[in-house]
Protein backbone atom coordinates (compact mmCIF):
# COMPACT_ATOMS: atom_id res chain seq x y z
CA UNK A 1 0.00 0.00 0.00
CA UNK A 2 1.33 3.41 -1.04
CA UNK A 3 1.53 6.16 1.48
CA UNK A 4 0.77 9.70 0.43
CA UNK A 5 3.09 12.44 1.38
CA UNK A 6 1.70 14.95 3.85
CA UNK A 7 0.78 18.24 2.24
CA UNK A 8 -0.31 16.86 -1.16
CA UNK A 9 -3.83 18.20 -0.70
CA UNK A 10 -2.50 21.51 0.55
CA UNK A 11 -0.41 21.96 -2.60
CA UNK A 12 -3.37 21.03 -4.83
CA UNK A 13 -5.61 23.54 -3.04
CA UNK A 14 -2.95 26.25 -3.42
CA UNK A 15 -2.63 25.56 -7.14
CA UNK A 16 -6.43 25.71 -7.57
CA UNK A 17 -6.65 29.02 -5.66
CA UNK A 18 -3.86 30.49 -7.78
CA UNK A 19 -5.57 29.35 -10.98
CA UNK A 20 -8.90 30.87 -9.88
CA UNK A 21 -7.20 34.18 -9.04
CA UNK A 22 -5.46 34.31 -12.44
CA UNK A 23 -8.72 33.59 -14.27
CA UNK A 24 -10.57 36.28 -12.28
CA UNK A 25 -7.86 38.88 -12.95
CA UNK A 26 -7.83 37.99 -16.64
CA UNK A 27 -11.59 38.40 -16.88
CA UNK A 28 -11.52 41.81 -15.19
CA UNK A 29 -8.62 42.98 -17.34
CA UNK A 30 -10.22 41.92 -20.62
CA UNK A 31 -13.60 43.49 -19.80
CA UNK A 32 -11.96 46.83 -19.00
CA UNK A 33 -9.91 46.70 -22.20
CA UNK A 34 -12.99 46.15 -24.34
CA UNK A 35 -15.06 49.02 -22.93
CA UNK A 36 -17.33 50.21 -25.70
CA UNK A 37 -16.77 53.70 -27.05
CA UNK A 38 -19.55 55.86 -28.55
CA UNK A 39 -20.00 55.50 -32.32
CA UNK A 40 -19.00 59.17 -32.82
CA UNK A 41 -18.24 62.35 -30.88
CA UNK A 42 -21.81 63.58 -31.22
CA UNK A 43 -23.31 60.54 -29.44
CA UNK A 44 -24.29 60.24 -25.81
CA UNK A 45 -25.25 57.18 -23.80
CA UNK A 46 -28.98 56.40 -23.69
CA UNK A 47 -30.86 54.01 -21.45
CA UNK A 48 -32.68 50.92 -22.67
CA UNK A 49 -35.94 52.47 -21.48
CA UNK A 50 -35.29 55.61 -23.54
CA UNK A 51 -34.42 53.51 -26.62
CA UNK A 52 -37.48 51.28 -26.24
CA UNK A 53 -39.75 54.30 -25.79
CA UNK A 54 -38.41 55.91 -28.98
CA UNK A 55 -38.81 52.59 -30.82
CA UNK A 56 -42.42 52.26 -29.66
CA UNK A 57 -43.19 55.79 -30.89
CA UNK A 58 -41.33 55.25 -34.20
CA UNK A 59 -38.78 57.90 -33.26
CA UNK A 60 -35.54 55.96 -33.68
CA UNK A 61 -34.73 58.43 -36.46
CA UNK A 62 -35.94 62.02 -36.54
CA UNK A 63 -34.74 65.37 -37.83
CA UNK A 64 -32.67 66.01 -34.70
CA UNK A 65 -30.83 62.70 -34.41
CA UNK A 66 -31.04 58.92 -34.23
CA UNK A 67 -30.64 56.06 -31.78
CA UNK A 68 -28.00 53.37 -32.17
CA UNK A 69 -27.95 49.96 -30.48
CA UNK A 70 -24.78 47.91 -30.56
CA UNK A 71 -22.97 45.23 -28.60
CA UNK A 72 -23.62 41.55 -28.02
CA UNK A 73 -27.08 40.16 -27.33
CA UNK A 74 -26.28 39.68 -23.65
CA UNK A 75 -24.69 43.14 -23.29
CA UNK A 76 -26.34 45.86 -25.38
CA UNK A 77 -25.26 49.50 -25.47
CA UNK A 78 -27.61 52.28 -26.48
CA UNK A 79 -26.61 55.69 -27.90
CA UNK A 80 -28.40 58.81 -29.08
CA UNK A 81 -26.51 60.66 -31.81
CA UNK A 82 -27.29 64.22 -32.85
CA UNK A 83 -27.19 65.18 -36.50
């Protein structure tokens, strides 16, 4: 019968904690690096409620400006751009 060395589980737990910390730091770093910029200088951030209200009233485009929606399905960004 083989005997395990003392501390094997401690080393494995330390490696797992280190791996989890590296993954968490990588996720935070990549999300900050990919922060979405406005489509142009004349655009400001708009809320989803504001965008949906304009869509419901058929005002996504008007003589003063237009609304833009971009980003992934799970993380949308809304902008109002002046003409």
